[in-house]
């Protein structure tokens, strides 16, 4: 819930993308400021603003819920692969830190693998 504790000085459309990165804080204040926003949700709200930040959170949560439900249906059909990939997917998509390129890359890879695992394999005759 720390993501939703903002001050009165925050603009409606946020401070701008990258403002909470090391380079952004260095350019604005002259030194690297740590601890402003450690979580991904609060970083999104501070950078994008309350409207777009909450929209981003809701998109990430709804996408995660949709993938969970699809994996559950595939599990009922006897296909266990989507269910196994879902565990790592649910760690990264809802609140994983996307500001680090390595984490973002693994998130994209696991998302692609999970989406690919939903495809039905056609049997040859």
N, C-alpha and C. Protein backbone atom coordinates (compact mmCIF):
# COMPACT_ATOMS: atom_id res chain seq x y z
N UNK A 1 0.81 -1.19 0.00
CA UNK A 1 0.00 0.00 0.00
C UNK A 1 0.85 1.26 0.00
N UNK A 2 2.16 1.10 0.10
CA UNK A 2 3.06 2.26 0.06
C UNK A 2 2.95 2.97 -1.29
N UNK A 3 2.57 2.25 -2.31
CA UNK A 3 2.46 2.86 -3.64
C UNK A 3 1.39 3.94 -3.68
N UNK A 4 0.39 3.82 -2.83
CA UNK A 4 -0.71 4.78 -2.86
C UNK A 4 -0.58 5.86 -1.80
N UNK A 5 0.59 6.00 -1.20
CA UNK A 5 0.81 7.07 -0.23
C UNK A 5 1.67 8.15 -0.88
N UNK A 6 1.02 9.15 -1.46
CA UNK A 6 1.73 10.20 -2.16
C UNK A 6 1.52 11.53 -1.45
N UNK A 7 2.31 12.50 -1.82
CA UNK A 7 2.18 13.81 -1.20
C UNK A 7 1.33 14.73 -2.07
N UNK A 8 1.03 15.90 -1.54
CA UNK A 8 0.16 16.85 -2.23
C UNK A 8 0.85 17.51 -3.42
N UNK A 9 2.16 17.48 -3.47
CA UNK A 9 2.91 18.17 -4.51
C UNK A 9 3.05 17.35 -5.79
N UNK A 10 2.56 16.11 -5.77
CA UNK A 10 2.71 15.26 -6.95
C UNK A 10 1.73 15.70 -8.04
N UNK A 11 2.24 15.94 -9.26
CA UNK A 11 1.34 16.32 -10.35
C UNK A 11 0.41 15.17 -10.74
N UNK A 12 -0.70 15.51 -11.35
CA UNK A 12 -1.68 14.51 -11.76
C UNK A 12 -1.08 13.53 -12.76
N UNK A 13 -0.25 14.03 -13.66
CA UNK A 13 0.37 13.17 -14.67
C UNK A 13 1.80 12.80 -14.32
N UNK A 14 2.16 12.86 -13.05
CA UNK A 14 3.44 12.37 -12.56
C UNK A 14 4.60 13.30 -12.85
N UNK A 15 5.77 12.85 -12.45
CA UNK A 15 6.99 13.63 -12.61
C UNK A 15 7.72 13.34 -13.91
N UNK A 16 7.33 12.30 -14.62
CA UNK A 16 7.96 11.96 -15.89
C UNK A 16 8.71 10.64 -15.81
N UNK A 17 8.76 9.94 -16.93
CA UNK A 17 9.44 8.65 -16.98
C UNK A 17 10.92 8.81 -16.72
N UNK A 18 11.47 7.93 -15.91
CA UNK A 18 12.89 7.94 -15.61
C UNK A 18 13.30 8.88 -14.50
N UNK A 19 12.37 9.58 -13.91
CA UNK A 19 12.70 10.56 -12.89
C UNK A 19 13.22 9.90 -11.61
N UNK A 20 12.83 8.67 -11.34
CA UNK A 20 13.28 7.98 -10.14
C UNK A 20 14.46 7.05 -10.41
N UNK A 21 15.01 7.09 -11.61
CA UNK A 21 16.20 6.30 -11.90
C UNK A 21 17.42 7.00 -11.31
N UNK A 22 18.54 6.32 -11.30
CA UNK A 22 19.77 6.92 -10.77
C UNK A 22 20.17 8.15 -11.57
N UNK A 23 20.04 8.09 -12.88
CA UNK A 23 20.41 9.23 -13.72
C UNK A 23 19.44 10.38 -13.51
N UNK A 24 18.15 10.08 -13.42
CA UNK A 24 17.15 11.12 -13.23
C UNK A 24 17.32 11.88 -11.93
N UNK A 25 17.57 11.16 -10.84
CA UNK A 25 17.77 11.85 -9.56
C UNK A 25 19.08 12.61 -9.54
N UNK A 26 20.08 12.11 -10.24
CA UNK A 26 21.37 12.80 -10.31
C UNK A 26 21.23 14.12 -11.08
N UNK A 27 20.48 14.10 -12.16
CA UNK A 27 20.29 15.32 -12.94
C UNK A 27 19.47 16.36 -12.19
N UNK A 28 18.50 15.92 -11.42
CA UNK A 28 17.63 16.86 -10.73
C UNK A 28 18.23 17.40 -9.43
N UNK A 29 18.83 16.52 -8.64
CA UNK A 29 19.27 16.94 -7.32
C UNK A 29 20.79 17.06 -7.18
N UNK A 30 21.53 16.54 -8.12
CA UNK A 30 22.98 16.61 -8.03
C UNK A 30 23.60 15.41 -7.34
N UNK A 31 22.80 14.57 -6.71
CA UNK A 31 23.31 13.33 -6.13
C UNK A 31 22.25 12.24 -6.29
N UNK A 32 22.67 11.00 -6.13
CA UNK A 32 21.75 9.88 -6.29
C UNK A 32 20.92 9.74 -5.01
N UNK A 33 19.62 9.84 -5.16
CA UNK A 33 18.72 9.74 -4.02
C UNK A 33 18.16 8.33 -3.98
N UNK A 34 18.36 7.64 -2.88
CA UNK A 34 17.86 6.28 -2.72
C UNK A 34 16.65 6.28 -1.79
N UNK A 35 15.79 5.32 -1.98
CA UNK A 35 14.69 5.12 -1.06
C UNK A 35 13.42 5.90 -1.37
N UNK A 36 13.39 6.65 -2.47
CA UNK A 36 12.16 7.37 -2.80
C UNK A 36 11.07 6.38 -3.17
N UNK A 37 11.40 5.48 -4.04
CA UNK A 37 10.42 4.50 -4.49
C UNK A 37 11.14 3.20 -4.79
N UNK A 38 11.04 2.27 -3.88
CA UNK A 38 11.71 0.99 -4.06
C UNK A 38 10.85 0.00 -4.85
N UNK A 39 9.55 0.13 -4.78
CA UNK A 39 8.66 -0.81 -5.44
C UNK A 39 8.29 -0.37 -6.84
N UNK A 40 7.89 -1.33 -7.65
CA UNK A 40 7.53 -1.05 -9.04
C UNK A 40 6.22 -0.26 -9.12
N UNK A 41 5.27 -0.57 -8.26
CA UNK A 41 3.99 0.14 -8.32
C UNK A 41 4.15 1.60 -7.95
N UNK A 42 4.86 1.88 -6.89
CA UNK A 42 5.03 3.28 -6.48
C UNK A 42 5.88 4.04 -7.50
N UNK A 43 6.85 3.38 -8.10
CA UNK A 43 7.65 4.04 -9.14
C UNK A 43 6.75 4.41 -10.32
N UNK A 44 5.87 3.50 -10.71
CA UNK A 44 4.95 3.78 -11.81
C UNK A 44 4.02 4.94 -11.50
N UNK A 45 3.52 5.00 -10.29
CA UNK A 45 2.61 6.09 -9.92
C UNK A 45 3.34 7.42 -9.86
N UNK A 46 4.54 7.44 -9.30
CA UNK A 46 5.29 8.70 -9.22
C UNK A 46 5.73 9.18 -10.60
N UNK A 47 6.08 8.27 -11.48
CA UNK A 47 6.55 8.68 -12.80
C UNK A 47 5.39 8.99 -13.76
N UNK A 48 4.32 8.20 -13.71
CA UNK A 48 3.22 8.35 -14.65
C UNK A 48 2.06 9.17 -14.11
N UNK A 49 2.00 9.35 -12.80
CA UNK A 49 0.88 10.05 -12.20
C UNK A 49 -0.16 9.08 -11.69
N UNK A 50 -1.10 9.60 -10.94
CA UNK A 50 -2.10 8.74 -10.31
C UNK A 50 -3.00 8.05 -11.33
N UNK A 51 -3.37 8.74 -12.38
CA UNK A 51 -4.31 8.18 -13.36
C UNK A 51 -3.64 7.07 -14.17
N UNK A 52 -2.54 7.39 -14.82
CA UNK A 52 -1.86 6.39 -15.66
C UNK A 52 -1.16 5.33 -14.81
N UNK A 53 -0.68 5.71 -13.62
CA UNK A 53 -0.01 4.75 -12.75
C UNK A 53 -0.95 3.66 -12.28
N UNK A 54 -2.14 4.05 -11.83
CA UNK A 54 -3.14 3.06 -11.41
C UNK A 54 -3.62 2.26 -12.61
N UNK A 55 -3.74 2.89 -13.77
CA UNK A 55 -4.12 2.16 -14.98
C UNK A 55 -3.07 1.09 -15.32
N UNK A 56 -1.80 1.43 -15.18
CA UNK A 56 -0.73 0.46 -15.42
C UNK A 56 -0.81 -0.71 -14.45
N UNK A 57 -1.07 -0.42 -13.19
CA UNK A 57 -1.20 -1.48 -12.18
C UNK A 57 -2.38 -2.38 -12.52
N UNK A 58 -3.51 -1.80 -12.88
CA UNK A 58 -4.69 -2.59 -13.22
C UNK A 58 -4.48 -3.43 -14.47
N UNK A 59 -3.76 -2.91 -15.45
CA UNK A 59 -3.46 -3.68 -16.66
C UNK A 59 -2.59 -4.88 -16.30
N UNK A 60 -1.57 -4.66 -15.48
CA UNK A 60 -0.69 -5.76 -15.10
C UNK A 60 -1.45 -6.82 -14.29
N UNK A 61 -2.32 -6.39 -13.39
CA UNK A 61 -3.09 -7.34 -12.59
C UNK A 61 -4.11 -8.09 -13.44
N UNK A 62 -4.79 -7.40 -14.34
CA UNK A 62 -5.79 -8.08 -15.17
C UNK A 62 -5.14 -9.06 -16.14
N UNK A 63 -3.97 -8.70 -16.68
CA UNK A 63 -3.25 -9.62 -17.56
C UNK A 63 -2.81 -10.87 -16.78
N UNK A 64 -2.36 -10.67 -15.55
CA UNK A 64 -1.96 -11.80 -14.71
C UNK A 64 -3.15 -12.70 -14.39
N UNK A 65 -4.29 -12.10 -14.08
CA UNK A 65 -5.48 -12.89 -13.79
C UNK A 65 -5.93 -13.67 -15.02
N UNK A 66 -5.88 -13.04 -16.18
CA UNK A 66 -6.27 -13.71 -17.43
C UNK A 66 -5.36 -14.91 -17.71
N UNK A 67 -4.06 -14.74 -17.52
CA UNK A 67 -3.12 -15.83 -17.75
C UNK A 67 -3.30 -16.95 -16.73
N UNK A 68 -3.63 -16.57 -15.48
CA UNK A 68 -3.90 -17.57 -14.45
C UNK A 68 -5.11 -18.42 -14.83
N UNK A 69 -6.17 -17.78 -15.26
CA UNK A 69 -7.39 -18.52 -15.61
C UNK A 69 -7.16 -19.42 -16.82
N UNK A 70 -6.42 -18.93 -17.82
CA UNK A 70 -6.13 -19.76 -18.99
C UNK A 70 -5.27 -20.97 -18.61
N UNK A 71 -4.29 -20.75 -17.72
CA UNK A 71 -3.44 -21.85 -17.29
C UNK A 71 -4.24 -22.87 -16.49
N UNK A 72 -5.19 -22.40 -15.71
CA UNK A 72 -6.03 -23.31 -14.92
C UNK A 72 -6.91 -24.17 -15.83
N UNK A 73 -7.43 -23.56 -16.87
CA UNK A 73 -8.24 -24.32 -17.84
C UNK A 73 -7.38 -25.37 -18.54
N UNK A 74 -6.17 -24.99 -18.94
CA UNK A 74 -5.26 -25.94 -19.60
C UNK A 74 -4.86 -27.07 -18.65
N UNK A 75 -4.74 -26.76 -17.36
CA UNK A 75 -4.44 -27.80 -16.37
C UNK A 75 -5.58 -28.81 -16.30
N UNK A 76 -6.80 -28.33 -16.38
CA UNK A 76 -7.96 -29.22 -16.39
C UNK A 76 -8.01 -30.10 -17.62
N UNK A 77 -7.41 -29.64 -18.71
CA UNK A 77 -7.36 -30.43 -19.94
C UNK A 77 -6.19 -31.42 -19.94
N UNK A 78 -5.39 -31.40 -18.89
CA UNK A 78 -4.26 -32.32 -18.79
C UNK A 78 -2.94 -31.76 -19.27
N UNK A 79 -2.91 -30.50 -19.65
CA UNK A 79 -1.67 -29.86 -20.10
C UNK A 79 -1.06 -29.10 -18.92
N UNK A 80 0.06 -29.59 -18.41
CA UNK A 80 0.64 -29.02 -17.20
C UNK A 80 1.67 -27.92 -17.48
N UNK A 81 2.13 -27.79 -18.71
CA UNK A 81 3.18 -26.82 -19.03
C UNK A 81 2.80 -25.37 -18.69
N UNK A 82 1.61 -24.87 -19.08
CA UNK A 82 1.27 -23.49 -18.71
C UNK A 82 1.23 -23.28 -17.20
N UNK A 83 0.78 -24.28 -16.47
CA UNK A 83 0.70 -24.15 -15.02
C UNK A 83 2.10 -24.05 -14.40
N UNK A 84 3.06 -24.78 -14.94
CA UNK A 84 4.43 -24.71 -14.43
C UNK A 84 5.07 -23.36 -14.74
N UNK A 85 4.83 -22.84 -15.93
CA UNK A 85 5.40 -21.54 -16.31
C UNK A 85 4.73 -20.38 -15.58
N UNK A 86 3.50 -20.60 -15.13
CA UNK A 86 2.74 -19.54 -14.48
C UNK A 86 3.39 -19.07 -13.19
N UNK A 87 4.07 -19.95 -12.47
CA UNK A 87 4.67 -19.55 -11.19
C UNK A 87 5.70 -18.45 -11.38
N UNK A 88 6.57 -18.58 -12.35
CA UNK A 88 7.57 -17.54 -12.60
C UNK A 88 6.94 -16.30 -13.21
N UNK A 89 5.92 -16.51 -14.04
CA UNK A 89 5.20 -15.40 -14.66
C UNK A 89 4.55 -14.51 -13.61
N UNK A 90 3.91 -15.12 -12.61
CA UNK A 90 3.21 -14.35 -11.59
C UNK A 90 4.15 -13.65 -10.62
N UNK A 91 5.41 -14.03 -10.61
CA UNK A 91 6.39 -13.28 -9.81
C UNK A 91 6.82 -12.01 -10.51
N UNK A 92 6.84 -12.02 -11.82
CA UNK A 92 7.39 -10.89 -12.57
C UNK A 92 6.36 -9.92 -13.13
N UNK A 93 5.24 -10.39 -13.58
CA UNK A 93 4.29 -9.50 -14.26
C UNK A 93 3.57 -8.57 -13.28
N UNK A 94 2.95 -9.04 -12.22
CA UNK A 94 2.20 -8.09 -11.38
C UNK A 94 3.04 -7.01 -10.72
N UNK A 95 4.15 -7.37 -10.12
CA UNK A 95 4.93 -6.34 -9.44
C UNK A 95 6.43 -6.52 -9.59
N UNK A 96 6.86 -7.19 -10.62
CA UNK A 96 8.28 -7.32 -10.88
C UNK A 96 8.90 -6.00 -11.30
N UNK A 97 10.16 -5.81 -10.99
CA UNK A 97 10.86 -4.56 -11.28
C UNK A 97 11.29 -4.56 -12.74
N UNK A 98 10.69 -3.71 -13.54
CA UNK A 98 10.99 -3.64 -14.97
C UNK A 98 12.00 -2.56 -15.30
N UNK A 99 12.52 -1.87 -14.30
CA UNK A 99 13.49 -0.82 -14.60
C UNK A 99 14.87 -1.39 -14.92
N UNK A 100 15.15 -2.60 -14.47
CA UNK A 100 16.42 -3.25 -14.78
C UNK A 100 16.25 -4.07 -16.07
N UNK A 101 17.11 -3.88 -17.06
CA UNK A 101 16.95 -4.57 -18.34
C UNK A 101 16.94 -6.09 -18.24
N UNK A 102 17.73 -6.66 -17.34
CA UNK A 102 17.77 -8.11 -17.22
C UNK A 102 16.43 -8.65 -16.75
N UNK A 103 15.86 -8.01 -15.75
CA UNK A 103 14.56 -8.43 -15.23
C UNK A 103 13.47 -8.27 -16.29
N UNK A 104 13.51 -7.18 -17.01
CA UNK A 104 12.53 -6.95 -18.08
C UNK A 104 12.68 -8.01 -19.18
N UNK A 105 13.91 -8.36 -19.52
CA UNK A 105 14.14 -9.38 -20.54
C UNK A 105 13.59 -10.74 -20.14
N UNK A 106 13.85 -11.15 -18.89
CA UNK A 106 13.32 -12.42 -18.43
C UNK A 106 11.80 -12.40 -18.34
N UNK A 107 11.23 -11.24 -18.02
CA UNK A 107 9.78 -11.12 -17.98
C UNK A 107 9.19 -11.31 -19.37
N UNK A 108 9.80 -10.72 -20.37
CA UNK A 108 9.33 -10.87 -21.75
C UNK A 108 9.47 -12.31 -22.21
N UNK A 109 10.59 -12.94 -21.87
CA UNK A 109 10.81 -14.34 -22.27
C UNK A 109 9.77 -15.26 -21.64
N UNK A 110 9.54 -15.12 -20.33
CA UNK A 110 8.58 -16.01 -19.68
C UNK A 110 7.16 -15.73 -20.16
N UNK A 111 6.87 -14.46 -20.47
CA UNK A 111 5.55 -14.13 -21.02
C UNK A 111 5.34 -14.77 -22.38
N UNK A 112 6.36 -14.74 -23.22
CA UNK A 112 6.27 -15.37 -24.53
C UNK A 112 6.15 -16.88 -24.44
N UNK A 113 6.91 -17.48 -23.54
CA UNK A 113 6.81 -18.93 -23.36
C UNK A 113 5.43 -19.33 -22.85
N UNK A 114 4.90 -18.55 -21.92
CA UNK A 114 3.57 -18.87 -21.39
C UNK A 114 2.50 -18.71 -22.46
N UNK A 115 2.56 -17.62 -23.22
CA UNK A 115 1.58 -17.44 -24.29
C UNK A 115 1.71 -18.54 -25.35
N UNK A 116 2.94 -18.95 -25.65
CA UNK A 116 3.15 -20.03 -26.61
C UNK A 116 2.67 -21.37 -26.10
N UNK A 117 2.69 -21.57 -24.79
CA UNK A 117 2.26 -22.86 -24.24
C UNK A 117 0.75 -23.04 -24.30
N UNK A 118 0.01 -21.97 -24.58
CA UNK A 118 -1.44 -22.09 -24.70
C UNK A 118 -1.86 -22.61 -26.06
N UNK A 119 -0.97 -22.60 -27.04
CA UNK A 119 -1.31 -23.07 -28.38
C UNK A 119 -1.59 -24.56 -28.38
N UNK A 120 -2.56 -24.93 -29.16
CA UNK A 120 -2.91 -26.34 -29.27
C UNK A 120 -2.03 -27.00 -30.33
N UNK A 121 -1.47 -28.14 -30.02
CA UNK A 121 -0.62 -28.87 -30.95
C UNK A 121 -1.52 -29.71 -31.85
N UNK A 122 -1.35 -29.52 -33.15
CA UNK A 122 -2.14 -30.30 -34.10
C UNK A 122 -1.42 -31.60 -34.42
N UNK A 123 -2.16 -32.68 -34.35
CA UNK A 123 -1.58 -33.99 -34.63
C UNK A 123 -1.63 -34.27 -36.12
N UNK A 124 -0.56 -34.87 -36.63
CA UNK A 124 -0.52 -35.23 -38.04
C UNK A 124 -1.26 -36.54 -38.26
N UNK A 125 -1.87 -36.63 -39.43
CA UNK A 125 -2.63 -37.86 -39.73
C UNK A 125 -1.81 -38.86 -40.47
